Protein backbone atom coordinates (compact mmCIF):
# COMPACT_ATOMS: atom_id res chain seq x y z
CA MET A 1 32.49 -32.24 26.92
CA ALA A 2 32.92 -33.57 23.35
CA GLY A 3 29.15 -33.96 23.03
CA GLN A 4 28.65 -30.35 24.11
CA MET A 5 31.17 -29.16 21.54
CA GLN A 6 29.43 -31.11 18.76
CA ALA A 7 26.06 -29.66 19.76
CA ILE A 8 27.45 -26.11 19.62
CA LYS A 9 28.98 -26.77 16.18
CA ARG A 10 25.64 -28.06 14.89
CA ARG A 11 23.86 -24.93 16.17
CA ILE A 12 26.46 -22.68 14.55
CA LYS A 13 26.03 -24.51 11.24
CA SER A 14 22.23 -24.25 11.46
CA ILE A 15 22.32 -20.53 12.26
CA ASP A 16 24.77 -19.93 9.41
CA SER A 17 22.36 -21.62 6.97
CA THR A 18 19.51 -19.43 8.21
CA ARG A 19 21.71 -16.34 7.93
CA LYS A 20 22.41 -17.09 4.27
CA ILE A 21 18.66 -17.21 3.60
CA THR A 22 17.89 -13.97 5.45
CA LYS A 23 20.84 -12.26 3.74
CA ALA A 24 19.59 -13.33 0.31
CA MET A 25 16.04 -12.18 1.12
CA MET A 26 17.39 -8.83 2.31
CA LEU A 27 19.22 -8.32 -0.99
CA VAL A 28 16.14 -9.26 -3.02
CA ALA A 29 13.95 -6.91 -0.96
CA SER A 30 16.53 -4.11 -1.42
CA SER A 31 16.44 -4.58 -5.19
CA LYS A 32 12.63 -4.54 -5.28
CA LEU A 33 12.57 -1.51 -2.99
CA MET A 34 14.76 0.49 -5.37
CA LYS A 35 12.54 -0.45 -8.32
CA THR A 36 9.17 0.34 -6.70
CA ARG A 37 10.44 3.53 -5.08
CA LYS A 38 11.49 4.79 -8.50
CA GLN A 39 8.02 3.96 -9.85
CA MET A 40 6.44 5.78 -6.91
CA ASP A 41 8.54 8.89 -7.47
CA ASN A 42 7.64 8.85 -11.18
CA MET A 43 3.90 8.54 -10.51
CA LYS A 44 3.50 11.41 -8.06
CA PRO A 45 4.09 14.28 -10.54
CA TYR A 46 1.45 12.80 -12.88
CA TYR A 47 -1.46 12.55 -10.46
CA SER A 48 -0.42 15.79 -8.78
CA GLN A 49 -0.76 17.55 -12.13
CA VAL A 50 -4.16 15.94 -12.79
CA LYS A 51 -5.30 17.03 -9.33
CA ASP A 52 -4.08 20.58 -9.99
CA THR A 53 -6.09 20.64 -13.22
CA CYS A 54 -9.23 19.50 -11.39
CA ALA A 55 -8.65 22.28 -8.85
CA GLU A 56 -8.23 24.80 -11.67
CA ILE A 57 -11.56 23.77 -13.21
CA LEU A 58 -13.38 24.15 -9.91
CA ALA A 59 -11.72 27.50 -9.27
CA SER A 60 -12.65 28.80 -12.73
CA ALA A 61 -16.25 27.67 -12.28
CA GLN A 62 -16.23 29.06 -8.72
CA GLY A 63 -17.28 25.63 -7.43
CA ASP A 64 -20.53 25.65 -9.46
CA VAL A 65 -19.87 22.36 -11.28
CA ASP A 66 -22.47 19.62 -11.59
CA SER A 67 -20.61 16.30 -11.51
CA PRO A 68 -21.84 13.00 -10.03
CA TYR A 69 -18.35 12.39 -8.62
CA LEU A 70 -18.58 15.45 -6.36
CA VAL A 71 -21.91 14.49 -4.73
CA ARG A 72 -22.26 11.97 -1.90
CA ASN A 73 -24.87 9.33 -2.68
CA SER A 74 -27.58 8.83 -0.09
CA VAL A 75 -28.12 5.16 -1.04
CA GLY A 76 -25.89 2.22 -1.81
CA ARG A 77 -23.08 0.45 0.02
CA ASP A 78 -19.80 1.75 1.35
CA VAL A 79 -16.82 0.23 -0.47
CA VAL A 80 -13.35 -0.18 1.05
CA ILE A 81 -10.23 -1.15 -0.90
CA VAL A 82 -7.69 -2.89 1.37
CA ILE A 83 -4.09 -3.26 0.18
CA SER A 84 -1.97 -5.89 1.98
CA SER A 85 0.88 -8.21 1.00
CA SER A 86 0.82 -11.67 -0.54
CA LEU A 87 4.02 -12.80 1.19
CA GLY A 88 5.10 -12.84 4.83
CA LEU A 89 8.34 -12.00 6.64
CA CYS A 90 7.69 -8.25 6.32
CA GLY A 91 7.61 -7.24 9.98
CA GLY A 92 4.51 -5.43 11.21
CA TYR A 93 3.39 -4.33 7.73
CA ASN A 94 0.27 -6.51 7.57
CA ALA A 95 -0.48 -6.33 11.31
CA ASN A 96 -0.73 -2.53 11.12
CA ILE A 97 -3.06 -2.74 8.12
CA PHE A 98 -5.30 -5.23 9.92
CA LYS A 99 -5.51 -2.99 13.01
CA THR A 100 -6.69 -0.18 10.74
CA VAL A 101 -9.22 -2.52 9.11
CA GLU A 102 -10.66 -3.39 12.54
CA LYS A 103 -11.19 0.30 13.28
CA GLU A 104 -12.42 1.52 9.90
CA VAL A 105 -14.33 -1.29 8.17
CA LYS A 106 -17.97 -1.75 9.17
CA LYS A 107 -19.88 -5.02 8.94
CA ASP A 108 -21.97 -3.95 5.96
CA ASP A 109 -19.03 -2.64 3.89
CA LEU A 110 -18.09 -4.29 0.63
CA VAL A 111 -14.33 -4.94 0.68
CA TYR A 112 -12.14 -5.12 -2.42
CA VAL A 113 -9.05 -6.90 -1.19
CA ILE A 114 -5.59 -6.72 -2.78
CA GLY A 115 -3.02 -9.21 -1.46
CA HIS A 116 -3.48 -12.80 -0.28
CA LYS A 117 -2.66 -11.99 3.34
CA GLY A 118 -5.50 -9.49 3.44
CA GLU A 119 -7.89 -11.95 1.80
CA SER A 120 -7.05 -14.67 4.37
CA TYR A 121 -7.47 -12.22 7.24
CA MET A 122 -10.81 -10.88 6.02
CA ARG A 123 -12.23 -14.36 5.46
CA SER A 124 -11.17 -15.64 8.89
CA HIS A 125 -11.81 -12.54 11.03
CA THR A 126 -14.75 -10.73 9.41
CA SER A 127 -18.11 -11.45 7.82
CA ASN A 128 -17.85 -8.74 5.16
CA ASP A 129 -18.66 -9.41 1.52
CA LEU A 130 -15.35 -9.71 -0.33
CA ASN A 131 -14.35 -9.07 -3.92
CA SER A 132 -11.04 -10.84 -4.60
CA ASP A 133 -10.94 -10.31 -8.39
CA TYR A 134 -7.94 -8.00 -7.96
CA VAL A 135 -6.07 -9.91 -5.23
CA GLU A 136 -2.97 -10.31 -7.44
CA LEU A 137 -2.58 -6.61 -8.20
CA ASN A 138 0.14 -6.09 -5.61
CA SER A 139 2.26 -8.66 -7.46
CA SER A 140 1.48 -7.75 -11.07
CA LEU A 141 1.17 -3.94 -10.69
CA ASP A 142 -0.85 -4.12 -13.92
CA PHE A 143 -2.23 -0.67 -14.70
CA ARG A 144 -4.84 -2.17 -17.04
CA GLN A 145 -6.37 -3.94 -14.05
CA ILE A 146 -6.39 -0.63 -12.17
CA VAL A 147 -8.33 0.93 -15.06
CA ARG A 148 -10.77 -1.97 -14.97
CA LEU A 149 -11.22 -1.70 -11.20
CA THR A 150 -11.70 2.08 -11.34
CA ASN A 151 -14.25 1.92 -14.17
CA HIS A 152 -16.16 -0.80 -12.32
CA LEU A 153 -16.32 1.31 -9.15
CA LEU A 154 -17.24 4.49 -11.04
CA ASP A 155 -20.11 2.72 -12.82
CA GLY A 156 -21.43 1.53 -9.46
CA TYR A 157 -21.12 5.03 -8.05
CA LYS A 158 -22.95 6.68 -10.94
CA ASN A 159 -25.70 4.05 -10.72
CA LYS A 160 -26.02 4.85 -6.98
CA GLU A 161 -25.08 1.29 -6.01
CA ILE A 162 -22.10 2.66 -4.07
CA LYS A 163 -22.34 5.38 -1.42
CA THR A 164 -18.65 6.05 -0.74
CA ILE A 165 -15.30 4.57 -1.77
CA ARG A 166 -12.34 4.51 0.62
CA ILE A 167 -8.90 2.95 0.39
CA ILE A 168 -6.67 1.60 3.18
CA TYR A 169 -3.03 1.57 2.18
CA THR A 170 0.41 2.03 3.74
CA GLU A 171 2.04 5.41 3.30
CA PHE A 172 5.79 5.27 2.65
CA VAL A 173 7.48 7.91 4.81
CA ASN A 174 11.05 6.64 4.58
CA ASN A 175 12.91 3.32 4.55
CA LEU A 176 12.13 2.76 8.24
CA THR A 177 8.71 4.37 8.67
CA PHE A 178 5.43 3.19 7.10
CA THR A 179 2.03 4.44 8.24
CA PRO A 180 -1.39 2.93 7.41
CA ARG A 181 -3.75 5.57 6.01
CA VAL A 182 -7.44 5.74 5.13
CA VAL A 183 -8.39 8.01 2.21
CA GLU A 184 -11.85 8.70 0.82
CA LEU A 185 -11.71 8.50 -2.97
CA LEU A 186 -15.35 9.19 -3.81
CA PRO A 187 -17.07 11.52 -3.56
CA VAL A 188 -14.13 13.71 -4.54
CA SER A 189 -13.80 16.49 -1.98
CA GLN A 190 -13.90 19.93 -3.59
CA GLU A 191 -12.06 21.35 -0.57
CA ASP A 192 -9.21 18.87 -1.00
CA LEU A 193 -8.90 19.74 -4.68
CA LYS A 194 -8.99 23.46 -3.98
CA GLY A 195 -6.21 22.98 -1.45
CA GLU A 196 -3.92 22.05 -4.34
CA GLU A 197 -4.49 25.37 -6.09
CA LYS A 198 -1.36 27.53 -6.10
CA GLN A 199 -1.63 30.66 -4.00
CA GLY A 200 -1.55 33.92 -5.90
CA VAL A 201 -2.09 32.31 -9.31
CA HIS A 202 -5.29 33.21 -11.15
CA LYS A 203 -5.89 31.82 -14.63
CA GLN A 204 -8.67 32.46 -17.11
CA THR A 205 -9.18 29.09 -18.79
CA LEU A 206 -11.81 28.15 -21.37
CA PHE A 207 -12.99 24.53 -21.08
CA GLU A 208 -14.69 22.86 -24.06
CA PRO A 209 -17.35 21.61 -24.26
CA SER A 210 -17.86 22.53 -20.57
CA PRO A 211 -16.13 22.31 -17.19
CA GLU A 212 -18.49 19.48 -16.22
CA ALA A 213 -17.60 17.39 -19.29
CA VAL A 214 -13.87 17.93 -18.79
CA LEU A 215 -14.13 17.10 -15.10
CA ASP A 216 -16.14 13.93 -15.78
CA SER A 217 -13.27 12.72 -17.99
CA LEU A 218 -10.52 14.01 -15.74
CA ILE A 219 -11.68 12.59 -12.40
CA PRO A 220 -11.57 8.94 -13.60
CA MET A 221 -8.02 9.56 -14.83
CA TYR A 222 -7.16 11.08 -11.48
CA LEU A 223 -8.63 8.15 -9.53
CA GLN A 224 -6.80 5.63 -11.71
CA ALA A 225 -3.51 7.39 -11.07
CA VAL A 226 -4.16 7.82 -7.33
CA ILE A 227 -5.17 4.18 -6.74
CA TYR A 228 -2.15 3.01 -8.74
CA GLY A 229 0.09 5.40 -6.80
CA TYR A 230 -1.26 4.15 -3.45
CA LEU A 231 -0.72 0.56 -4.61
CA ILE A 232 2.91 1.22 -5.55
CA GLU A 233 3.43 3.12 -2.30
CA SER A 234 2.09 0.13 -0.33
CA VAL A 235 4.33 -2.32 -2.21
CA THR A 236 7.29 0.00 -1.59
CA SER A 237 6.47 0.02 2.13
CA GLU A 238 6.19 -3.78 2.10
CA ASN A 239 9.62 -4.18 0.48
CA ALA A 240 11.18 -1.68 2.87
CA SER A 241 9.63 -3.46 5.86
CA ARG A 242 10.83 -6.86 4.62
CA ARG A 243 14.31 -5.50 3.98
CA THR A 244 14.49 -4.12 7.53
CA SER A 245 13.19 -7.37 9.04
CA MET A 246 15.68 -9.50 7.12
CA GLU A 247 18.54 -7.13 7.96
CA ASN A 248 17.67 -7.41 11.66
CA ALA A 249 17.43 -11.20 11.39
CA THR A 250 20.85 -11.34 9.70
CA ASP A 251 22.39 -9.14 12.40
CA ASN A 252 20.85 -11.30 15.12
CA ALA A 253 22.27 -14.42 13.46
CA ASP A 254 25.72 -12.81 13.44
CA ASP A 255 25.45 -11.96 17.13
CA LEU A 256 24.25 -15.45 18.04
CA THR A 257 27.02 -17.08 16.01
CA GLU A 258 29.58 -14.95 17.79
CA GLN A 259 28.22 -15.98 21.20
CA LEU A 260 28.17 -19.67 20.28
CA GLN A 261 31.69 -19.47 18.87
CA LEU A 262 32.85 -18.05 22.20
CA LYS A 263 31.16 -20.92 24.07
CA TYR A 264 32.73 -23.43 21.70
CA ASN A 265 36.19 -21.98 22.29
CA GLN A 266 35.66 -22.07 26.06
CA ALA A 267 34.52 -25.70 25.91
CA ARG A 268 37.52 -26.66 23.76
CA GLN A 269 39.88 -24.88 26.15
CA SER A 270 38.35 -26.73 29.08
CA ALA A 271 38.78 -30.05 27.27
CA ILE A 272 42.43 -29.31 26.62
């Protein structure tokens, strides 16, 4: 009986140590979640305004704008940007991304991977060509690297080395819901841009030197902001998923400790 009581005490002590770790990780994830969610909320008005301006240009020109970013290339490779996490213990966040990768990424696609978990998965489960130059972006959130990545992709698109550019990221719905999404970045869809135009508002705007020149400068800005926004949204989803997982683990540890404490008390009563 004494040996059973000692074993229960050791289990309670072990679970309590684990609970302290999960509790600390939950608090850290909560702090990061608040920070990245604020960044996400601050970014959305910026790229929404840039998108509205692109829509205004197309509306003023009645869609007759000659821009390489609006035309689908007939040659080149399809490029996919995959955003995952670099750390684990974040529930089904990465698993859902990898399921989407299995459905959407073709064998011949060139994959730009962000996050070490995504890089490990792609190397072990696929034969795609990988570019891991930006794998640390989900940790650094360095906008200068986003500019570099965007310019690199735009140069390839203008030189007809790239046919299409898509991004797989995790949409943040709320603190408990995160949905993987696939978005085509290039060519920019005129219909999507026009959908942002406000109903009933008609403006006469003069663009200098021309709508094409303004659009060619504006679309790279828009893509930089959108990719950065999707990156922050994915990191926000990761932190929210990790916070939920650690909160559940802490609650489970509390429940298990309570059950073991009851068994310990019963064993002690029997010994008495």
